[in-house]
Amino acid sequence: MSVSDTSGLAPAAQLFKVLGNESRLWLLQLIGQEPLTVGALVQATGMSQPLVSQHLRTLKQAGLVTADRHGKEVEYQLADHHVSHVIDDAIAHSQETTPSPPPKAAAEGASP
């Protein structure tokens, strides 16, 4: 995508909107380790079953996870390896980056 091609910006913004929820990121991290059922995710996170199901529905609609039925159980897994890279990179970036104070605050702090 070139700088002048903005066709991918809206879908990317929607992706980040879906990823902008800590609980969904946690679910994606867990699913990234191995395919898991709703019950396993409820047990691992302590979230309620309806909440986990709602988050999984949102993640599935965004194309971030897929669901495979095995009898009565449905296992969720990451849609592709790009999902784990985005999450891992975002977490690594947030842990490396210390926000700088706004320029005005920095200037005010410098004066006696």
N, C-alpha and C. Protein backbone atom coordinates (compact mmCIF):
# COMPACT_ATOMS: atom_id res chain seq x y z
N MET A 1 0.84 -1.18 0.00
CA MET A 1 0.00 0.00 0.00
C MET A 1 0.89 1.24 0.00
N SER A 2 0.68 2.11 -0.95
CA SER A 2 1.45 3.34 -1.01
C SER A 2 0.82 4.37 -0.07
N VAL A 3 1.56 5.43 0.20
CA VAL A 3 1.08 6.48 1.10
C VAL A 3 -0.20 7.11 0.57
N SER A 4 -0.33 7.21 -0.74
CA SER A 4 -1.53 7.84 -1.31
C SER A 4 -2.72 6.88 -1.40
N ASP A 5 -2.50 5.59 -1.21
CA ASP A 5 -3.58 4.61 -1.25
C ASP A 5 -4.15 4.45 0.16
N THR A 6 -5.32 4.99 0.37
CA THR A 6 -5.94 4.97 1.70
C THR A 6 -7.01 3.88 1.84
N SER A 7 -7.09 2.99 0.86
CA SER A 7 -8.16 1.99 0.86
C SER A 7 -8.10 1.03 2.06
N GLY A 8 -6.93 0.83 2.62
CA GLY A 8 -6.80 -0.09 3.74
C GLY A 8 -6.95 0.56 5.11
N LEU A 9 -7.09 1.88 5.14
CA LEU A 9 -7.13 2.57 6.43
C LEU A 9 -8.39 2.28 7.23
N ALA A 10 -9.54 2.31 6.59
CA ALA A 10 -10.80 2.08 7.32
C ALA A 10 -10.85 0.67 7.90
N PRO A 11 -10.51 -0.37 7.12
CA PRO A 11 -10.50 -1.71 7.73
C PRO A 11 -9.47 -1.84 8.85
N ALA A 12 -8.32 -1.20 8.71
CA ALA A 12 -7.31 -1.26 9.76
C ALA A 12 -7.80 -0.54 11.02
N ALA A 13 -8.47 0.59 10.84
CA ALA A 13 -9.02 1.31 11.99
C ALA A 13 -10.07 0.46 12.70
N GLN A 14 -10.89 -0.25 11.94
CA GLN A 14 -11.89 -1.14 12.54
C GLN A 14 -11.21 -2.27 13.31
N LEU A 15 -10.14 -2.80 12.75
CA LEU A 15 -9.39 -3.86 13.43
C LEU A 15 -8.87 -3.36 14.77
N PHE A 16 -8.27 -2.16 14.78
CA PHE A 16 -7.75 -1.62 16.03
C PHE A 16 -8.87 -1.31 17.02
N LYS A 17 -10.02 -0.95 16.52
CA LYS A 17 -11.17 -0.71 17.40
C LYS A 17 -11.54 -2.01 18.13
N VAL A 18 -11.58 -3.11 17.40
CA VAL A 18 -11.90 -4.41 18.01
C VAL A 18 -10.79 -4.82 18.98
N LEU A 19 -9.55 -4.56 18.62
CA LEU A 19 -8.42 -4.93 19.47
C LEU A 19 -8.25 -3.99 20.67
N GLY A 20 -8.99 -2.89 20.69
CA GLY A 20 -8.87 -1.89 21.75
C GLY A 20 -9.57 -2.28 23.04
N ASN A 21 -9.79 -3.55 23.25
CA ASN A 21 -10.44 -4.04 24.46
C ASN A 21 -9.51 -5.05 25.13
N GLU A 22 -9.15 -4.77 26.37
CA GLU A 22 -8.18 -5.62 27.08
C GLU A 22 -8.64 -7.07 27.20
N SER A 23 -9.93 -7.27 27.43
CA SER A 23 -10.45 -8.64 27.56
C SER A 23 -10.32 -9.41 26.25
N ARG A 24 -10.60 -8.73 25.13
CA ARG A 24 -10.47 -9.41 23.84
C ARG A 24 -9.01 -9.73 23.54
N LEU A 25 -8.10 -8.83 23.90
CA LEU A 25 -6.68 -9.11 23.71
C LEU A 25 -6.26 -10.33 24.52
N TRP A 26 -6.76 -10.42 25.74
CA TRP A 26 -6.43 -11.56 26.60
C TRP A 26 -6.94 -12.86 25.98
N LEU A 27 -8.17 -12.84 25.50
CA LEU A 27 -8.72 -14.03 24.85
C LEU A 27 -7.88 -14.42 23.63
N LEU A 28 -7.48 -13.43 22.84
CA LEU A 28 -6.66 -13.71 21.66
C LEU A 28 -5.31 -14.29 22.05
N GLN A 29 -4.72 -13.78 23.13
CA GLN A 29 -3.45 -14.33 23.60
C GLN A 29 -3.61 -15.80 23.97
N LEU A 30 -4.67 -16.11 24.70
CA LEU A 30 -4.90 -17.49 25.12
C LEU A 30 -5.16 -18.40 23.92
N ILE A 31 -6.00 -17.95 23.00
CA ILE A 31 -6.32 -18.74 21.81
C ILE A 31 -5.09 -18.89 20.92
N GLY A 32 -4.19 -17.92 20.99
CA GLY A 32 -2.96 -17.99 20.21
C GLY A 32 -2.05 -19.11 20.66
N GLN A 33 -2.19 -19.55 21.90
CA GLN A 33 -1.38 -20.65 22.42
C GLN A 33 -1.88 -22.00 21.92
N GLU A 34 -3.22 -22.13 21.87
CA GLU A 34 -3.85 -23.38 21.41
C GLU A 34 -5.34 -23.11 21.22
N PRO A 35 -5.99 -23.87 20.35
CA PRO A 35 -7.44 -23.72 20.20
C PRO A 35 -8.13 -24.03 21.54
N LEU A 36 -9.11 -23.19 21.90
CA LEU A 36 -9.80 -23.36 23.18
C LEU A 36 -11.31 -23.21 23.01
N THR A 37 -12.03 -23.87 23.90
CA THR A 37 -13.49 -23.76 23.92
C THR A 37 -13.89 -22.58 24.80
N VAL A 38 -15.16 -22.20 24.72
CA VAL A 38 -15.67 -21.13 25.58
C VAL A 38 -15.46 -21.51 27.04
N GLY A 39 -15.77 -22.76 27.38
CA GLY A 39 -15.60 -23.21 28.76
C GLY A 39 -14.17 -23.08 29.26
N ALA A 40 -13.22 -23.44 28.42
CA ALA A 40 -11.81 -23.33 28.80
C ALA A 40 -11.41 -21.86 28.98
N LEU A 41 -11.95 -20.99 28.13
CA LEU A 41 -11.65 -19.56 28.24
C LEU A 41 -12.28 -18.96 29.49
N VAL A 42 -13.49 -19.40 29.82
CA VAL A 42 -14.15 -18.95 31.05
C VAL A 42 -13.29 -19.35 32.25
N GLN A 43 -12.84 -20.59 32.26
CA GLN A 43 -12.03 -21.09 33.37
C GLN A 43 -10.70 -20.35 33.46
N ALA A 44 -10.06 -20.09 32.34
CA ALA A 44 -8.75 -19.43 32.34
C ALA A 44 -8.83 -17.96 32.74
N THR A 45 -9.92 -17.29 32.39
CA THR A 45 -10.01 -15.85 32.61
C THR A 45 -10.85 -15.45 33.81
N GLY A 46 -11.79 -16.30 34.19
CA GLY A 46 -12.72 -15.92 35.25
C GLY A 46 -13.85 -15.03 34.76
N MET A 47 -13.90 -14.77 33.46
CA MET A 47 -15.00 -14.00 32.88
C MET A 47 -16.24 -14.88 32.83
N SER A 48 -17.40 -14.25 32.76
CA SER A 48 -18.63 -15.02 32.64
C SER A 48 -18.74 -15.64 31.25
N GLN A 49 -19.48 -16.72 31.15
CA GLN A 49 -19.66 -17.39 29.86
C GLN A 49 -20.32 -16.46 28.84
N PRO A 50 -21.38 -15.71 29.21
CA PRO A 50 -21.97 -14.81 28.21
C PRO A 50 -20.99 -13.74 27.72
N LEU A 51 -20.13 -13.24 28.62
CA LEU A 51 -19.17 -12.21 28.22
C LEU A 51 -18.12 -12.79 27.27
N VAL A 52 -17.61 -13.97 27.58
CA VAL A 52 -16.63 -14.61 26.70
C VAL A 52 -17.26 -14.86 25.34
N SER A 53 -18.48 -15.37 25.32
CA SER A 53 -19.17 -15.64 24.05
C SER A 53 -19.37 -14.37 23.24
N GLN A 54 -19.72 -13.27 23.92
CA GLN A 54 -19.91 -11.99 23.23
C GLN A 54 -18.60 -11.52 22.60
N HIS A 55 -17.51 -11.59 23.37
CA HIS A 55 -16.21 -11.18 22.83
C HIS A 55 -15.80 -12.06 21.65
N LEU A 56 -16.02 -13.36 21.76
CA LEU A 56 -15.66 -14.27 20.67
C LEU A 56 -16.48 -13.97 19.42
N ARG A 57 -17.74 -13.63 19.60
CA ARG A 57 -18.58 -13.27 18.45
C ARG A 57 -18.02 -12.03 17.75
N THR A 58 -17.62 -11.04 18.54
CA THR A 58 -17.02 -9.82 17.98
C THR A 58 -15.72 -10.15 17.25
N LEU A 59 -14.89 -10.98 17.86
CA LEU A 59 -13.61 -11.35 17.23
C LEU A 59 -13.83 -12.16 15.96
N LYS A 60 -14.83 -13.01 15.96
CA LYS A 60 -15.13 -13.80 14.77
C LYS A 60 -15.65 -12.91 13.64
N GLN A 61 -16.54 -11.98 13.97
CA GLN A 61 -17.07 -11.06 12.96
C GLN A 61 -15.97 -10.19 12.36
N ALA A 62 -14.95 -9.90 13.15
CA ALA A 62 -13.82 -9.10 12.66
C ALA A 62 -12.81 -9.93 11.88
N GLY A 63 -13.03 -11.24 11.81
CA GLY A 63 -12.13 -12.11 11.07
C GLY A 63 -10.85 -12.45 11.82
N LEU A 64 -10.85 -12.26 13.14
CA LEU A 64 -9.65 -12.52 13.92
C LEU A 64 -9.58 -13.95 14.45
N VAL A 65 -10.73 -14.59 14.62
CA VAL A 65 -10.76 -15.98 15.07
C VAL A 65 -11.69 -16.79 14.18
N THR A 66 -11.46 -18.08 14.19
CA THR A 66 -12.36 -19.02 13.51
C THR A 66 -12.85 -20.02 14.55
N ALA A 67 -13.96 -20.66 14.23
CA ALA A 67 -14.54 -21.63 15.15
C ALA A 67 -14.69 -22.96 14.44
N ASP A 68 -14.27 -24.03 15.10
CA ASP A 68 -14.40 -25.38 14.57
C ASP A 68 -15.21 -26.21 15.55
N ARG A 69 -16.29 -26.79 15.05
CA ARG A 69 -17.15 -27.62 15.90
C ARG A 69 -16.60 -29.04 15.95
N HIS A 70 -16.52 -29.57 17.17
CA HIS A 70 -16.11 -30.95 17.42
C HIS A 70 -17.19 -31.56 18.31
N GLY A 71 -18.18 -32.17 17.70
CA GLY A 71 -19.32 -32.69 18.47
C GLY A 71 -20.11 -31.54 19.05
N LYS A 72 -20.25 -31.53 20.36
CA LYS A 72 -20.99 -30.45 21.03
C LYS A 72 -20.10 -29.25 21.36
N GLU A 73 -18.80 -29.43 21.26
CA GLU A 73 -17.84 -28.38 21.60
C GLU A 73 -17.45 -27.57 20.36
N VAL A 74 -17.21 -26.29 20.58
CA VAL A 74 -16.69 -25.42 19.53
C VAL A 74 -15.35 -24.89 20.02
N GLU A 75 -14.31 -25.13 19.23
CA GLU A 75 -12.98 -24.62 19.56
C GLU A 75 -12.70 -23.38 18.73
N TYR A 76 -12.14 -22.38 19.39
CA TYR A 76 -11.78 -21.13 18.73
C TYR A 76 -10.28 -21.09 18.57
N GLN A 77 -9.85 -20.59 17.40
CA GLN A 77 -8.42 -20.44 17.13
C GLN A 77 -8.22 -19.16 16.35
N LEU A 78 -6.97 -18.69 16.32
CA LEU A 78 -6.67 -17.48 15.56
C LEU A 78 -6.90 -17.74 14.08
N ALA A 79 -7.38 -16.73 13.40
CA ALA A 79 -7.67 -16.87 11.97
C ALA A 79 -6.39 -17.08 11.17
N ASP A 80 -5.32 -16.41 11.55
CA ASP A 80 -4.02 -16.60 10.89
C ASP A 80 -2.91 -16.03 11.77
N HIS A 81 -1.68 -16.25 11.35
CA HIS A 81 -0.53 -15.84 12.15
C HIS A 81 -0.39 -14.33 12.27
N HIS A 82 -0.99 -13.57 11.37
CA HIS A 82 -0.90 -12.11 11.45
C HIS A 82 -1.50 -11.58 12.74
N VAL A 83 -2.55 -12.23 13.21
CA VAL A 83 -3.24 -11.79 14.42
C VAL A 83 -2.28 -11.82 15.61
N SER A 84 -1.57 -12.91 15.78
CA SER A 84 -0.64 -13.00 16.92
C SER A 84 0.49 -12.00 16.78
N HIS A 85 0.95 -11.73 15.56
CA HIS A 85 2.01 -10.74 15.36
C HIS A 85 1.55 -9.35 15.76
N VAL A 86 0.34 -8.97 15.37
CA VAL A 86 -0.19 -7.65 15.71
C VAL A 86 -0.27 -7.50 17.23
N ILE A 87 -0.79 -8.52 17.90
CA ILE A 87 -0.94 -8.46 19.35
C ILE A 87 0.43 -8.43 20.04
N ASP A 88 1.31 -9.33 19.65
CA ASP A 88 2.65 -9.38 20.26
C ASP A 88 3.39 -8.07 20.05
N ASP A 89 3.32 -7.52 18.83
CA ASP A 89 4.01 -6.26 18.55
C ASP A 89 3.42 -5.11 19.35
N ALA A 90 2.10 -5.06 19.49
CA ALA A 90 1.46 -3.99 20.25
C ALA A 90 1.86 -4.06 21.72
N ILE A 91 1.88 -5.27 22.28
CA ILE A 91 2.26 -5.43 23.68
C ILE A 91 3.73 -5.06 23.87
N ALA A 92 4.59 -5.54 22.99
CA ALA A 92 6.01 -5.21 23.09
C ALA A 92 6.23 -3.71 22.98
N HIS A 93 5.55 -3.07 22.05
CA HIS A 93 5.68 -1.63 21.87
C HIS A 93 5.23 -0.88 23.12
N SER A 94 4.10 -1.29 23.68
CA SER A 94 3.57 -0.59 24.85
C SER A 94 4.49 -0.76 26.06
N GLN A 95 5.19 -1.87 26.15
CA GLN A 95 6.10 -2.09 27.27
C GLN A 95 7.43 -1.36 27.09
N GLU A 96 7.79 -1.04 25.86
CA GLU A 96 9.05 -0.34 25.59
C GLU A 96 8.88 1.17 25.60
N THR A 97 7.68 1.64 25.39
CA THR A 97 7.44 3.06 25.20
C THR A 97 6.97 3.70 26.49
N THR A 98 7.67 4.76 26.88
CA THR A 98 7.22 5.58 28.00
C THR A 98 6.70 6.87 27.42
N PRO A 99 5.44 7.20 27.68
CA PRO A 99 4.90 8.42 27.10
C PRO A 99 5.68 9.65 27.57
N SER A 100 5.94 10.55 26.64
CA SER A 100 6.60 11.80 26.97
C SER A 100 5.55 12.80 27.41
N PRO A 101 5.91 13.71 28.31
CA PRO A 101 4.93 14.73 28.68
C PRO A 101 4.66 15.64 27.49
N PRO A 102 3.47 16.21 27.42
CA PRO A 102 3.19 17.14 26.33
C PRO A 102 4.18 18.29 26.37
N PRO A 103 4.50 18.89 25.21
CA PRO A 103 5.50 19.97 25.17
C PRO A 103 5.21 21.10 26.16
N LYS A 104 3.94 21.50 26.31
CA LYS A 104 3.59 22.59 27.21
C LYS A 104 3.93 22.22 28.65
N ALA A 105 3.60 21.02 29.06
CA ALA A 105 3.88 20.57 30.43
C ALA A 105 5.38 20.50 30.67
N ALA A 106 6.12 20.05 29.68
CA ALA A 106 7.58 19.96 29.81
C ALA A 106 8.17 21.36 29.97
N ALA A 107 7.67 22.32 29.19
CA ALA A 107 8.17 23.69 29.26
C ALA A 107 7.82 24.31 30.61
N GLU A 108 6.62 24.05 31.12
CA GLU A 108 6.22 24.60 32.42
C GLU A 108 7.07 24.00 33.53
N GLY A 109 7.39 22.73 33.41
CA GLY A 109 8.20 22.06 34.43
C GLY A 109 9.63 22.57 34.43
N ALA A 110 10.10 23.11 33.32
CA ALA A 110 11.48 23.57 33.21
C ALA A 110 11.67 24.94 33.85
N SER A 111 10.59 25.73 33.99
CA SER A 111 10.76 27.06 34.56
C SER A 111 10.73 27.02 36.08
N PRO A 112 11.54 27.85 36.72
CA PRO A 112 11.61 27.87 38.18
C PRO A 112 10.41 28.49 38.82
